[in-house]
Amino acid sequence: MFPKRFDKPDNKYIILDNSGNVMTITFKGLVHLHLLKEKRPRKLGLIDGDTIFVERSSDKHFHRKTRSYGFNYLLLNKLDFVKTVLLTEDNYRKYRIPKSAILNLGQVLNFKYAAQDQSFEVQIFMKKDYITSYRIDKPNEQ
């Protein structure tokens, strides 16, 4: 859907979801999510060529109930040229996951703010058991 490179430095691609949340992608490939009810944007990752680089902290991002990590569904579903997700977990474990694996094996969930009935972005969760099979660094490094 979007080209790999952008023509002008001031260009931003904007994706709007059904809840009014806005995702922006800068010409340098930085992807930010602006939730309607939050003042500061959230960094989703960095796109370089056909790969999106994302970072996760297991303390903050690991969904314990489903034993999985979430990825922005709209981003993966809309950007046809993105083929791979390079996940860095806890600053040292690295996984190269085909986008198709996340879309085929993941579970789509949409959380809401408890009091305001306002949605977070829709996420697709991939179980850690599946993710570990895509590890690319040496397991005994840490």
Protein backbone atom coordinates (compact mmCIF):
# COMPACT_ATOMS: atom_id res chain seq x y z
CA MET A 1 0.00 0.00 0.00
CA PHE A 2 2.77 2.49 0.88
CA PRO A 3 6.03 2.97 -0.99
CA LYS A 4 9.28 1.91 0.66
CA ARG A 5 10.79 5.39 0.39
CA PHE A 6 9.16 8.78 0.69
CA ASP A 7 9.81 11.65 -1.72
CA LYS A 8 10.11 14.62 0.61
CA PRO A 9 11.48 14.94 4.17
CA ASP A 10 8.29 16.59 5.41
CA ASN A 11 6.01 13.82 4.15
CA LYS A 12 4.17 11.70 6.67
CA TYR A 13 1.81 8.89 5.94
CA ILE A 14 -1.20 8.92 8.19
CA ILE A 15 -3.46 5.99 9.01
CA LEU A 16 -6.64 6.62 10.99
CA ASP A 17 -8.47 3.78 12.72
CA ASN A 18 -12.19 3.51 13.52
CA SER A 19 -11.67 4.81 17.08
CA GLY A 20 -9.98 8.05 16.03
CA ASN A 21 -6.45 6.91 16.84
CA VAL A 22 -3.82 8.14 14.38
CA MET A 23 -0.68 6.36 13.21
CA THR A 24 2.03 8.39 11.51
CA ILE A 25 4.99 7.12 9.51
CA THR A 26 7.73 9.66 8.81
CA PHE A 27 9.99 9.67 5.77
CA LYS A 28 12.73 8.21 8.00
CA GLY A 29 10.48 5.25 8.81
CA LEU A 30 9.58 6.16 12.40
CA VAL A 31 6.15 4.86 13.30
CA HIS A 32 4.17 6.58 16.07
CA LEU A 33 0.69 5.95 17.40
CA HIS A 34 -1.34 8.88 18.71
CA LEU A 35 -4.16 7.52 20.87
CA LEU A 36 -7.17 9.79 21.07
CA LYS A 37 -7.16 9.95 24.87
CA GLU A 38 -3.40 10.35 25.38
CA LYS A 39 -1.30 13.47 24.95
CA ARG A 40 1.99 11.81 23.99
CA PRO A 41 2.48 9.53 21.01
CA ARG A 42 3.72 5.98 21.46
CA LYS A 43 6.66 4.75 19.38
CA LEU A 44 5.65 1.57 17.57
CA GLY A 45 8.86 0.94 15.68
CA LEU A 46 11.09 1.81 12.77
CA ILE A 47 10.57 0.69 9.20
CA ASP A 48 13.64 0.06 7.07
CA GLY A 49 13.03 -1.51 3.67
CA ASP A 50 10.69 -4.46 4.13
CA THR A 51 11.37 -4.83 7.88
CA ILE A 52 9.84 -3.15 10.92
CA PHE A 53 12.06 -3.08 14.00
CA VAL A 54 10.24 -3.24 17.35
CA GLU A 55 11.42 -3.43 20.95
CA ARG A 56 9.66 -5.11 23.84
CA SER A 57 10.36 -5.24 27.54
CA SER A 58 8.98 -8.43 29.05
CA ASP A 59 8.13 -6.60 32.30
CA LYS A 60 6.04 -4.02 30.48
CA HIS A 61 4.80 -5.64 27.26
CA PHE A 62 4.40 -9.37 27.91
CA HIS A 63 0.72 -10.33 28.10
CA ARG A 64 0.82 -12.93 30.86
CA LYS A 65 -2.70 -14.23 30.47
CA THR A 66 -2.09 -15.32 26.87
CA ARG A 67 1.72 -15.67 27.21
CA SER A 68 2.21 -13.50 24.15
CA TYR A 69 3.44 -10.19 22.75
CA GLY A 70 1.20 -7.76 20.90
CA PHE A 71 1.82 -6.05 17.59
CA ASN A 72 -0.23 -3.27 16.03
CA TYR A 73 -2.69 -5.07 13.77
CA LEU A 74 -3.46 -2.12 11.50
CA LEU A 75 0.22 -1.54 10.82
CA LEU A 76 0.89 -5.16 9.87
CA ASN A 77 -2.33 -5.56 7.93
CA LYS A 78 -2.12 -2.32 5.89
CA LEU A 79 1.57 -2.11 4.98
CA ASP A 80 1.92 -4.64 2.18
CA PHE A 81 5.63 -3.97 1.64
CA VAL A 82 6.52 -4.92 5.23
CA LYS A 83 7.44 -8.61 5.18
CA THR A 84 9.39 -9.09 8.42
CA VAL A 85 9.23 -8.00 12.07
CA LEU A 86 12.59 -7.85 13.85
CA LEU A 87 11.73 -8.06 17.55
CA THR A 88 14.29 -7.18 20.22
CA GLU A 89 13.19 -8.45 23.63
CA ASP A 90 14.71 -7.06 26.83
CA ASN A 91 17.52 -5.36 24.87
CA TYR A 92 19.30 -8.57 23.86
CA ARG A 93 17.11 -11.42 22.54
CA LYS A 94 16.39 -11.00 18.84
CA TYR A 95 13.76 -12.66 16.68
CA ARG A 96 13.18 -12.35 12.92
CA ILE A 97 9.49 -13.14 12.47
CA PRO A 98 7.75 -13.24 9.09
CA LYS A 99 4.77 -10.89 9.14
CA SER A 100 2.69 -13.69 7.63
CA ALA A 101 3.42 -15.87 10.70
CA ILE A 102 2.11 -13.18 13.05
CA LEU A 103 -1.02 -12.65 10.95
CA ASN A 104 -1.67 -16.40 10.59
CA LEU A 105 -0.81 -17.57 14.12
CA GLY A 106 -1.77 -14.49 16.13
CA GLN A 107 -4.94 -13.68 18.03
CA VAL A 108 -6.55 -10.26 17.48
CA LEU A 109 -7.58 -8.43 20.67
CA ASN A 110 -8.92 -4.92 21.23
CA PHE A 111 -8.70 -3.48 24.74
CA LYS A 112 -10.74 -0.57 26.05
CA TYR A 113 -10.10 2.02 28.71
CA ALA A 114 -12.23 0.97 31.67
CA ALA A 115 -13.88 4.29 32.43
CA GLN A 116 -14.03 6.12 29.10
CA ASP A 117 -15.18 3.36 26.71
CA GLN A 118 -12.32 4.44 24.44
CA SER A 119 -10.37 1.81 22.55
CA PHE A 120 -6.65 1.26 22.50
CA GLU A 121 -5.38 0.23 19.11
CA VAL A 122 -6.27 -3.24 17.88
CA GLN A 123 -3.38 -5.61 18.49
CA ILE A 124 -2.54 -9.07 17.25
CA PHE A 125 -0.89 -11.25 19.90
CA MET A 126 1.60 -13.98 19.03
CA LYS A 127 2.40 -16.58 21.67
CA LYS A 128 5.94 -16.57 23.02
CA ASP A 129 6.21 -20.29 22.21
CA TYR A 130 5.84 -19.44 18.50
CA ILE A 131 8.13 -16.41 18.73
CA THR A 132 11.02 -18.39 20.23
CA SER A 133 11.29 -20.52 17.10
CA TYR A 134 12.37 -17.38 15.20
CA ARG A 135 15.25 -16.47 17.52
CA ILE A 136 18.34 -15.31 15.59
CA ASP A 137 20.87 -14.56 18.35
CA LYS A 138 22.70 -17.22 20.32
CA PRO A 139 20.54 -18.44 23.27
CA ASN A 140 23.52 -18.66 25.64
CA GLU A 141 24.48 -14.98 25.24
CA GLN A 142 22.53 -13.97 28.36
